[in-house]
Amino acid sequence: MVSRPKRFYVYAIHVDGVLRYIGKGCNGRMYAHMKEVRQRLTREFNLKNVWPIFQRKLTEAVMQNAVVEEIVLADNLTSKQAFKLEYRRLEELVYAGKRLQLWNGIPHTIHTPEEREAYVRKLTQNLTSKDRWVRYLSRNQLVRLGRYEYGRHQPHSSGAERTRRLRPLDASSPR
């Protein structure tokens, strides 16, 4: 069996010396961002309509004569290795408190313990909302996060029907 060539890489883009983007790519992907910006600057455009946010901020920085550096962090990787390294670098930066410094779209699975706890607190507060959809969606998300579990079926007041009840997991309960 012939293995695929290891041709992927992980790169960083610095704007005026500040790390703004971590990405993975192959071939000329790293240079595609600036190529798109340079093409955009040759025609009329409305900055507020530029998407994704990284492209908008990069275009704005170039318009203000910022110095943009593209740096390869690691190369000769498989796609899977590059993805894992990119993810790990983003995770390190978020944990270091630099989430707002980055212009990346950060995966929803990367968050600090403090951010996670704030999210769980908000979901828990939503359980008492007047909006039943807010309650329903919050409850289901808490179940998915392992913060609540469905308890035993409790008999309804008539005894004929059974309802499911949620109960909070305490610290001693397995997750």
N, C-alpha and C. Protein backbone atom coordinates (compact mmCIF):
# COMPACT_ATOMS: atom_id res chain seq x y z
N MET A 1 0.84 -1.18 0.00
CA MET A 1 0.00 0.00 0.00
C MET A 1 0.89 1.25 0.00
N VAL A 2 0.56 2.20 -0.85
CA VAL A 2 1.33 3.43 -0.96
C VAL A 2 0.71 4.48 -0.05
N SER A 3 1.53 5.11 0.80
CA SER A 3 1.00 6.13 1.70
C SER A 3 0.97 7.48 0.99
N ARG A 4 0.06 8.32 1.42
CA ARG A 4 -0.06 9.66 0.84
C ARG A 4 1.13 10.51 1.28
N PRO A 5 1.55 11.40 0.43
CA PRO A 5 2.66 12.28 0.83
C PRO A 5 2.26 13.21 1.96
N LYS A 6 3.20 13.52 2.83
CA LYS A 6 2.96 14.44 3.95
C LYS A 6 3.21 15.85 3.45
N ARG A 7 2.17 16.50 2.98
CA ARG A 7 2.35 17.79 2.34
C ARG A 7 1.57 18.92 3.00
N PHE A 8 0.98 18.68 4.14
CA PHE A 8 0.22 19.73 4.82
C PHE A 8 1.11 20.48 5.79
N TYR A 9 0.68 21.68 6.16
CA TYR A 9 1.45 22.49 7.09
C TYR A 9 0.51 23.31 7.97
N VAL A 10 1.05 23.81 9.05
CA VAL A 10 0.33 24.72 9.95
C VAL A 10 1.08 26.04 9.89
N TYR A 11 0.33 27.13 9.77
CA TYR A 11 0.95 28.44 9.59
C TYR A 11 0.31 29.48 10.52
N ALA A 12 1.04 30.56 10.68
CA ALA A 12 0.56 31.68 11.50
C ALA A 12 0.66 32.95 10.67
N ILE A 13 -0.27 33.86 10.92
CA ILE A 13 -0.22 35.17 10.29
C ILE A 13 -0.13 36.20 11.41
N HIS A 14 0.92 37.01 11.34
CA HIS A 14 1.15 38.08 12.30
C HIS A 14 0.85 39.41 11.61
N VAL A 15 0.15 40.29 12.29
CA VAL A 15 -0.13 41.63 11.78
C VAL A 15 0.50 42.61 12.75
N ASP A 16 1.44 43.39 12.25
CA ASP A 16 2.21 44.32 13.08
C ASP A 16 2.80 43.62 14.31
N GLY A 17 3.32 42.42 14.09
CA GLY A 17 3.98 41.68 15.15
C GLY A 17 3.08 40.94 16.11
N VAL A 18 1.76 41.02 15.93
CA VAL A 18 0.81 40.34 16.82
C VAL A 18 0.22 39.13 16.09
N LEU A 19 0.27 37.98 16.74
CA LEU A 19 -0.31 36.77 16.16
C LEU A 19 -1.81 36.95 16.03
N ARG A 20 -2.33 36.82 14.81
CA ARG A 20 -3.75 37.04 14.57
C ARG A 20 -4.47 35.81 14.02
N TYR A 21 -3.72 34.85 13.45
CA TYR A 21 -4.39 33.73 12.79
C TYR A 21 -3.50 32.51 12.82
N ILE A 22 -4.10 31.37 13.10
CA ILE A 22 -3.44 30.07 12.99
C ILE A 22 -4.28 29.26 12.01
N GLY A 23 -3.61 28.65 11.04
CA GLY A 23 -4.36 27.87 10.05
C GLY A 23 -3.60 26.65 9.59
N LYS A 24 -4.29 25.80 8.88
CA LYS A 24 -3.66 24.62 8.29
C LYS A 24 -3.93 24.68 6.81
N GLY A 25 -3.00 24.16 6.03
CA GLY A 25 -3.22 24.18 4.60
C GLY A 25 -2.21 23.34 3.86
N CYS A 26 -2.35 23.35 2.55
CA CYS A 26 -1.38 22.70 1.68
C CYS A 26 -1.22 23.59 0.45
N ASN A 27 -0.17 23.33 -0.29
CA ASN A 27 0.15 24.13 -1.46
C ASN A 27 0.25 25.60 -1.06
N GLY A 28 -0.49 26.50 -1.69
CA GLY A 28 -0.36 27.93 -1.41
C GLY A 28 -1.43 28.50 -0.52
N ARG A 29 -2.05 27.70 0.30
CA ARG A 29 -3.15 28.16 1.15
C ARG A 29 -2.75 29.35 2.01
N MET A 30 -1.56 29.31 2.56
CA MET A 30 -1.12 30.36 3.46
C MET A 30 -1.12 31.73 2.76
N TYR A 31 -0.83 31.72 1.47
CA TYR A 31 -0.73 32.98 0.73
C TYR A 31 -2.07 33.42 0.14
N ALA A 32 -3.07 32.57 0.18
CA ALA A 32 -4.37 32.87 -0.42
C ALA A 32 -5.07 34.02 0.30
N HIS A 33 -4.85 34.17 1.59
CA HIS A 33 -5.50 35.24 2.36
C HIS A 33 -5.08 36.61 1.84
N MET A 34 -3.78 36.81 1.72
CA MET A 34 -3.29 38.11 1.25
C MET A 34 -3.60 38.30 -0.23
N LYS A 35 -3.60 37.24 -1.00
CA LYS A 35 -3.95 37.35 -2.42
C LYS A 35 -5.38 37.88 -2.55
N GLU A 36 -6.29 37.35 -1.73
CA GLU A 36 -7.68 37.81 -1.75
C GLU A 36 -7.78 39.28 -1.35
N VAL A 37 -7.00 39.68 -0.34
CA VAL A 37 -7.01 41.08 0.10
C VAL A 37 -6.51 41.98 -1.03
N ARG A 38 -5.39 41.61 -1.66
CA ARG A 38 -4.84 42.44 -2.73
C ARG A 38 -5.83 42.57 -3.89
N GLN A 39 -6.52 41.48 -4.23
CA GLN A 39 -7.52 41.53 -5.30
C GLN A 39 -8.68 42.45 -4.91
N ARG A 40 -9.08 42.37 -3.66
CA ARG A 40 -10.20 43.18 -3.18
C ARG A 40 -9.85 44.67 -3.27
N LEU A 41 -8.61 45.01 -2.99
CA LEU A 41 -8.19 46.41 -2.98
C LEU A 41 -8.12 47.02 -4.38
N THR A 42 -8.22 46.20 -5.42
CA THR A 42 -8.18 46.71 -6.80
C THR A 42 -9.57 47.10 -7.30
N ARG A 43 -10.58 46.89 -6.52
CA ARG A 43 -11.95 47.21 -6.94
C ARG A 43 -12.69 47.91 -5.80
N GLU A 44 -13.87 48.39 -6.10
CA GLU A 44 -14.69 49.00 -5.05
C GLU A 44 -15.32 47.90 -4.20
N PHE A 45 -15.37 48.14 -2.91
CA PHE A 45 -15.99 47.18 -1.99
C PHE A 45 -16.43 47.91 -0.74
N ASN A 46 -17.34 47.30 -0.04
CA ASN A 46 -17.81 47.84 1.24
C ASN A 46 -17.23 46.96 2.33
N LEU A 47 -16.39 47.51 3.18
CA LEU A 47 -15.68 46.74 4.20
C LEU A 47 -16.63 45.96 5.10
N LYS A 48 -17.78 46.55 5.43
CA LYS A 48 -18.70 45.85 6.33
C LYS A 48 -19.31 44.60 5.69
N ASN A 49 -19.21 44.49 4.37
CA ASN A 49 -19.74 43.30 3.68
C ASN A 49 -18.68 42.22 3.45
N VAL A 50 -17.45 42.47 3.86
CA VAL A 50 -16.39 41.48 3.69
C VAL A 50 -16.55 40.40 4.75
N TRP A 51 -16.54 39.16 4.30
CA TRP A 51 -16.72 38.02 5.19
C TRP A 51 -15.77 36.93 4.76
N PRO A 52 -15.20 36.13 5.63
CA PRO A 52 -15.37 36.05 7.08
C PRO A 52 -14.68 37.21 7.80
N ILE A 53 -14.85 37.27 9.09
CA ILE A 53 -14.34 38.37 9.89
C ILE A 53 -12.82 38.49 9.75
N PHE A 54 -12.14 37.37 9.60
CA PHE A 54 -10.69 37.41 9.42
C PHE A 54 -10.34 38.22 8.18
N GLN A 55 -11.04 37.99 7.09
CA GLN A 55 -10.77 38.73 5.85
C GLN A 55 -11.07 40.22 6.02
N ARG A 56 -12.13 40.53 6.75
CA ARG A 56 -12.47 41.94 6.99
C ARG A 56 -11.35 42.63 7.77
N LYS A 57 -10.92 41.98 8.85
CA LYS A 57 -9.89 42.60 9.70
C LYS A 57 -8.54 42.67 8.99
N LEU A 58 -8.22 41.65 8.21
CA LEU A 58 -6.97 41.65 7.47
C LEU A 58 -6.99 42.75 6.40
N THR A 59 -8.10 42.90 5.72
CA THR A 59 -8.23 43.96 4.70
C THR A 59 -8.09 45.33 5.35
N GLU A 60 -8.75 45.51 6.49
CA GLU A 60 -8.67 46.78 7.21
C GLU A 60 -7.23 47.08 7.64
N ALA A 61 -6.52 46.04 8.11
CA ALA A 61 -5.13 46.22 8.54
C ALA A 61 -4.25 46.61 7.36
N VAL A 62 -4.43 45.97 6.22
CA VAL A 62 -3.63 46.28 5.04
C VAL A 62 -3.93 47.70 4.56
N MET A 63 -5.19 48.10 4.64
CA MET A 63 -5.56 49.47 4.26
C MET A 63 -4.87 50.51 5.15
N GLN A 64 -4.53 50.11 6.38
CA GLN A 64 -3.85 51.00 7.32
C GLN A 64 -2.33 50.80 7.31
N ASN A 65 -1.85 50.12 6.23
CA ASN A 65 -0.42 49.89 6.02
C ASN A 65 0.24 49.04 7.10
N ALA A 66 -0.47 48.07 7.64
CA ALA A 66 0.10 47.16 8.64
C ALA A 66 1.07 46.20 7.96
N VAL A 67 2.03 45.73 8.72
CA VAL A 67 2.98 44.73 8.24
C VAL A 67 2.40 43.35 8.49
N VAL A 68 2.23 42.56 7.43
CA VAL A 68 1.65 41.22 7.54
C VAL A 68 2.73 40.19 7.26
N GLU A 69 2.93 39.27 8.20
CA GLU A 69 3.92 38.20 8.04
C GLU A 69 3.22 36.86 8.06
N GLU A 70 3.56 36.00 7.10
CA GLU A 70 3.03 34.64 7.04
C GLU A 70 4.17 33.69 7.38
N ILE A 71 4.00 32.86 8.40
CA ILE A 71 5.07 32.01 8.91
C ILE A 71 4.59 30.56 9.00
N VAL A 72 5.37 29.65 8.45
CA VAL A 72 5.07 28.23 8.57
C VAL A 72 5.56 27.75 9.93
N LEU A 73 4.66 27.18 10.72
CA LEU A 73 5.03 26.68 12.05
C LEU A 73 5.52 25.23 12.00
N ALA A 74 4.90 24.43 11.14
CA ALA A 74 5.31 23.03 10.97
C ALA A 74 4.85 22.59 9.59
N ASP A 75 5.69 21.79 8.93
CA ASP A 75 5.30 21.31 7.61
C ASP A 75 5.60 19.82 7.49
N ASN A 76 5.37 19.29 6.30
CA ASN A 76 5.56 17.87 6.03
C ASN A 76 4.66 17.01 6.93
N LEU A 77 3.39 17.42 7.08
CA LEU A 77 2.43 16.75 7.94
C LEU A 77 1.33 16.10 7.10
N THR A 78 0.65 15.14 7.70
CA THR A 78 -0.57 14.63 7.08
C THR A 78 -1.68 15.62 7.43
N SER A 79 -2.80 15.49 6.78
CA SER A 79 -3.93 16.37 7.06
C SER A 79 -4.36 16.24 8.52
N LYS A 80 -4.41 15.02 9.01
CA LYS A 80 -4.83 14.77 10.39
C LYS A 80 -3.84 15.39 11.39
N GLN A 81 -2.55 15.24 11.12
CA GLN A 81 -1.54 15.82 12.01
C GLN A 81 -1.64 17.34 12.01
N ALA A 82 -1.84 17.92 10.83
CA ALA A 82 -1.95 19.38 10.72
C ALA A 82 -3.19 19.88 11.47
N PHE A 83 -4.31 19.17 11.33
CA PHE A 83 -5.53 19.56 12.03
C PHE A 83 -5.31 19.53 13.54
N LYS A 84 -4.70 18.46 14.03
CA LYS A 84 -4.46 18.34 15.48
C LYS A 84 -3.52 19.43 16.00
N LEU A 85 -2.48 19.73 15.22
CA LEU A 85 -1.55 20.76 15.65
C LEU A 85 -2.22 22.13 15.64
N GLU A 86 -2.99 22.43 14.61
CA GLU A 86 -3.73 23.70 14.55
C GLU A 86 -4.66 23.83 15.75
N TYR A 87 -5.41 22.77 16.03
CA TYR A 87 -6.35 22.76 17.14
C TYR A 87 -5.62 23.00 18.47
N ARG A 88 -4.51 22.29 18.64
CA ARG A 88 -3.74 22.40 19.88
C ARG A 88 -3.19 23.82 20.06
N ARG A 89 -2.70 24.43 18.99
CA ARG A 89 -2.19 25.81 19.07
C ARG A 89 -3.31 26.79 19.42
N LEU A 90 -4.49 26.62 18.80
CA LEU A 90 -5.63 27.49 19.13
C LEU A 90 -6.03 27.31 20.58
N GLU A 91 -6.04 26.07 21.03
CA GLU A 91 -6.37 25.77 22.42
C GLU A 91 -5.39 26.45 23.38
N GLU A 92 -4.10 26.38 23.08
CA GLU A 92 -3.09 27.01 23.92
C GLU A 92 -3.33 28.52 24.03
N LEU A 93 -3.64 29.13 22.90
CA LEU A 93 -3.86 30.58 22.89
C LEU A 93 -5.11 30.97 23.67
N VAL A 94 -6.17 30.19 23.54
CA VAL A 94 -7.40 30.47 24.29
C VAL A 94 -7.14 30.32 25.78
N TYR A 95 -6.44 29.25 26.16
CA TYR A 95 -6.13 29.03 27.58
C TYR A 95 -5.22 30.12 28.13
N ALA A 96 -4.41 30.74 27.26
CA ALA A 96 -3.52 31.81 27.69
C ALA A 96 -4.25 33.15 27.75
N GLY A 97 -5.54 33.14 27.47
CA GLY A 97 -6.33 34.36 27.54
C GLY A 97 -6.23 35.24 26.31
N LYS A 98 -5.85 34.67 25.18
CA LYS A 98 -5.65 35.46 23.97
C LYS A 98 -6.73 35.22 22.92
N ARG A 99 -7.90 34.79 23.33
CA ARG A 99 -9.00 34.52 22.39
C ARG A 99 -9.34 35.77 21.58
N LEU A 100 -9.41 36.91 22.21
CA LEU A 100 -9.81 38.13 21.52
C LEU A 100 -8.71 38.68 20.61
N GLN A 101 -7.47 38.26 20.84
CA GLN A 101 -6.36 38.66 19.98
C GLN A 101 -6.46 37.99 18.62
N LEU A 102 -7.02 36.78 18.59
CA LEU A 102 -7.09 36.01 17.35
C LEU A 102 -8.26 36.46 16.48
N TRP A 103 -8.03 36.42 15.19
CA TRP A 103 -9.09 36.71 14.22
C TRP A 103 -9.65 35.42 13.65
N ASN A 104 -9.21 34.29 14.16
CA ASN A 104 -9.72 32.98 13.74
C ASN A 104 -11.16 32.80 14.18
N GLY A 105 -11.84 31.90 13.49
CA GLY A 105 -13.07 31.36 14.05
C GLY A 105 -12.62 30.23 14.96
N ILE A 106 -12.82 30.37 16.25
CA ILE A 106 -12.37 29.37 17.22
C ILE A 106 -13.41 28.26 17.28
N PRO A 107 -12.99 26.99 17.18
CA PRO A 107 -13.96 25.89 17.29
C PRO A 107 -14.74 25.98 18.60
N HIS A 108 -16.02 25.62 18.54
CA HIS A 108 -16.88 25.73 19.73
C HIS A 108 -16.46 24.78 20.84
N THR A 109 -15.58 23.84 20.55
CA THR A 109 -15.14 22.89 21.57
C THR A 109 -13.96 23.42 22.38
N ILE A 110 -13.42 24.57 22.01
CA ILE A 110 -12.30 25.14 22.74
C ILE A 110 -12.81 26.24 23.66
N HIS A 111 -12.65 26.04 24.94
CA HIS A 111 -13.06 27.04 25.92
C HIS A 111 -12.33 26.76 27.23
N THR A 112 -12.14 27.80 28.00
CA THR A 112 -11.47 27.65 29.29
C THR A 112 -12.48 27.09 30.29
N PRO A 113 -12.00 26.54 31.39
CA PRO A 113 -12.93 26.06 32.42
C PRO A 113 -13.87 27.16 32.93
N GLU A 114 -13.36 28.39 33.01
CA GLU A 114 -14.19 29.50 33.47
C GLU A 114 -15.32 29.78 32.47
N GLU A 115 -14.99 29.75 31.17
CA GLU A 115 -16.00 29.98 30.13
C GLU A 115 -17.06 28.88 30.16
N ARG A 116 -16.60 27.66 30.36
CA ARG A 116 -17.53 26.53 30.41
C ARG A 116 -18.48 26.66 31.61
N GLU A 117 -17.94 27.03 32.76
CA GLU A 117 -18.78 27.18 33.95
C GLU A 117 -19.79 28.32 33.78
N ALA A 118 -19.37 29.42 33.15
CA ALA A 118 -20.29 30.53 32.90
C ALA A 118 -21.42 30.08 31.97
N TYR A 119 -21.07 29.28 30.97
CA TYR A 119 -22.06 28.76 30.03
C TYR A 119 -23.06 27.85 30.74
N VAL A 120 -22.54 26.97 31.59
CA VAL A 120 -23.42 26.06 32.35
C VAL A 120 -24.31 26.85 33.30
N ARG A 121 -23.76 27.89 33.95
CA ARG A 121 -24.59 28.72 34.83
C ARG A 121 -25.74 29.37 34.06
N LYS A 122 -25.44 29.87 32.86
CA LYS A 122 -26.48 30.51 32.05
C LYS A 122 -27.54 29.49 31.63
N LEU A 123 -27.11 28.31 31.23
CA LEU A 123 -28.07 27.26 30.87
C LEU A 123 -28.93 26.89 32.07
N THR A 124 -28.33 26.81 33.24
CA THR A 124 -29.07 26.47 34.45
C THR A 124 -30.09 27.56 34.78
N GLN A 125 -29.72 28.82 34.60
CA GLN A 125 -30.66 29.92 34.82
C GLN A 125 -31.82 29.83 33.81
N ASN A 126 -31.51 29.41 32.61
CA ASN A 126 -32.54 29.30 31.56
C ASN A 126 -33.59 28.24 31.87
N LEU A 127 -33.30 27.33 32.79
CA LEU A 127 -34.27 26.29 33.13
C LEU A 127 -35.53 26.87 33.78
N THR A 128 -35.45 28.09 34.27
CA THR A 128 -36.61 28.74 34.88
C THR A 128 -37.22 29.81 33.98
N SER A 129 -36.81 29.85 32.73
CA SER A 129 -37.32 30.84 31.79
C SER A 129 -38.82 30.65 31.54
N LYS A 130 -39.48 31.73 31.18
CA LYS A 130 -40.90 31.64 30.81
C LYS A 130 -41.08 31.03 29.43
N ASP A 131 -40.04 31.11 28.61
CA ASP A 131 -40.08 30.57 27.25
C ASP A 131 -39.79 29.07 27.29
N ARG A 132 -40.76 28.27 26.88
CA ARG A 132 -40.58 26.82 26.98
C ARG A 132 -39.49 26.29 26.06
N TRP A 133 -39.24 26.98 24.92
CA TRP A 133 -38.19 26.54 24.01
C TRP A 133 -36.82 26.80 24.63
N VAL A 134 -36.69 27.91 25.32
CA VAL A 134 -35.44 28.21 26.01
C VAL A 134 -35.19 27.14 27.07
N ARG A 135 -36.23 26.80 27.84
CA ARG A 135 -36.09 25.75 28.86
C ARG A 135 -35.72 24.42 28.21
N TYR A 136 -36.42 24.07 27.15
CA TYR A 136 -36.20 22.78 26.47
C TYR A 136 -34.78 22.68 25.92
N LEU A 137 -34.35 23.71 25.20
CA LEU A 137 -33.02 23.67 24.59
C LEU A 137 -31.92 23.71 25.65
N SER A 138 -32.11 24.50 26.69
CA SER A 138 -31.11 24.57 27.76
C SER A 138 -31.00 23.23 28.48
N ARG A 139 -32.15 22.62 28.77
CA ARG A 139 -32.15 21.32 29.44
C ARG A 139 -31.43 20.28 28.60
N ASN A 140 -31.72 20.25 27.30
CA ASN A 140 -31.08 19.26 26.43
C ASN A 140 -29.57 19.50 26.33
N GLN A 141 -29.16 20.76 26.29
CA GLN A 141 -27.73 21.04 26.24
C GLN A 141 -27.05 20.63 27.54
N LEU A 142 -27.69 20.86 28.66
CA LEU A 142 -27.13 20.43 29.95
C LEU A 142 -27.01 18.92 30.01
N VAL A 143 -27.98 18.22 29.46
CA VAL A 143 -27.91 16.75 29.41
C VAL A 143 -26.72 16.33 28.56
N ARG A 144 -26.55 16.96 27.40
CA ARG A 144 -25.42 16.65 26.51
C ARG A 144 -24.08 16.92 27.18
N LEU A 145 -24.03 17.97 27.98
CA LEU A 145 -22.79 18.32 28.67
C LEU A 145 -22.53 17.43 29.88
N GLY A 146 -23.49 16.59 30.22
CA GLY A 146 -23.33 15.70 31.37
C GLY A 146 -23.58 16.39 32.69
N ARG A 147 -24.25 17.53 32.68
CA ARG A 147 -24.53 18.26 33.91
C ARG A 147 -25.88 17.90 34.52
N TYR A 148 -26.72 17.27 33.74
CA TYR A 148 -28.01 16.80 34.23
C TYR A 148 -28.24 15.42 33.65
N GLU A 149 -29.05 14.67 34.33
CA GLU A 149 -29.43 13.37 33.78
C GLU A 149 -30.92 13.18 34.03
N TYR A 150 -31.49 12.37 33.17
CA TYR A 150 -32.91 12.08 33.37
C TYR A 150 -33.02 11.13 34.54
N GLY A 151 -33.89 11.50 35.50
CA GLY A 151 -34.11 10.66 36.67
C GLY A 151 -35.07 9.53 36.33
N ARG A 152 -35.39 8.78 37.33
CA ARG A 152 -36.37 7.70 37.11
C ARG A 152 -37.71 8.30 36.75
N HIS A 153 -38.50 7.55 36.06
CA HIS A 153 -39.84 8.03 35.74
C HIS A 153 -40.64 8.12 37.02
N GLN A 154 -41.20 9.28 37.23
CA GLN A 154 -42.00 9.51 38.43
C GLN A 154 -43.47 9.38 38.09
N PRO A 155 -44.25 8.75 38.94
CA PRO A 155 -45.68 8.66 38.64
C PRO A 155 -46.32 10.04 38.61
N HIS A 156 -47.20 10.25 37.65
CA HIS A 156 -47.95 11.50 37.53
C HIS A 156 -49.01 11.49 38.63
N SER A 157 -49.60 12.63 38.89
CA SER A 157 -50.58 12.71 39.97
C SER A 157 -51.72 11.72 39.77
N SER A 158 -52.08 11.44 38.49
CA SER A 158 -53.17 10.49 38.26
C SER A 158 -52.68 9.05 38.41
N GLY A 159 -51.36 8.88 38.35
CA GLY A 159 -50.82 7.53 38.46
C GLY A 159 -50.78 6.82 37.13
N ALA A 160 -51.53 7.28 36.14
CA ALA A 160 -51.59 6.61 34.86
C ALA A 160 -50.44 7.03 33.94
N GLU A 161 -50.07 8.29 34.01
CA GLU A 161 -49.00 8.77 33.13
C GLU A 161 -47.71 8.86 33.92
N ARG A 162 -46.64 8.81 33.20
CA ARG A 162 -45.33 8.97 33.83
C ARG A 162 -44.60 10.12 33.14
N THR A 163 -43.88 10.90 33.92
CA THR A 163 -43.13 12.02 33.37
C THR A 163 -41.65 11.83 33.65
N ARG A 164 -40.83 12.47 32.84
CA ARG A 164 -39.39 12.41 33.07
C ARG A 164 -39.00 13.66 33.83
N ARG A 165 -38.14 13.48 34.82
CA ARG A 165 -37.69 14.63 35.60
C ARG A 165 -36.17 14.71 35.51
N LEU A 166 -35.68 15.91 35.45
CA LEU A 166 -34.24 16.13 35.46
C LEU A 166 -33.79 16.37 36.89
N ARG A 167 -32.60 15.91 37.16
CA ARG A 167 -32.03 16.23 38.46
C ARG A 167 -30.57 16.61 38.25
N PRO A 168 -30.14 17.62 38.98
CA PRO A 168 -28.74 18.05 38.82
C PRO A 168 -27.79 16.98 39.31
N LEU A 169 -26.66 16.86 38.64
CA LEU A 169 -25.63 15.95 39.10
C LEU A 169 -24.79 16.68 40.13
N ASP A 170 -24.51 16.04 41.24
CA ASP A 170 -23.64 16.68 42.22
C ASP A 170 -22.20 16.26 41.92
N ALA A 171 -21.28 16.80 42.66
CA ALA A 171 -19.87 16.57 42.39
C ALA A 171 -19.48 15.10 42.56
N SER A 172 -20.21 14.36 43.40
CA SER A 172 -19.86 12.96 43.63
C SER A 172 -20.43 12.02 42.58
N SER A 173 -21.37 12.53 41.77
CA SER A 173 -21.97 11.67 40.74
C SER A 173 -21.02 11.51 39.58
N PRO A 174 -21.03 10.32 38.96
CA PRO A 174 -20.17 10.13 37.79
C PRO A 174 -20.70 10.92 36.62
N ARG A 175 -19.83 11.39 35.76
CA ARG A 175 -20.25 12.18 34.59
C ARG A 175 -20.20 11.36 33.37
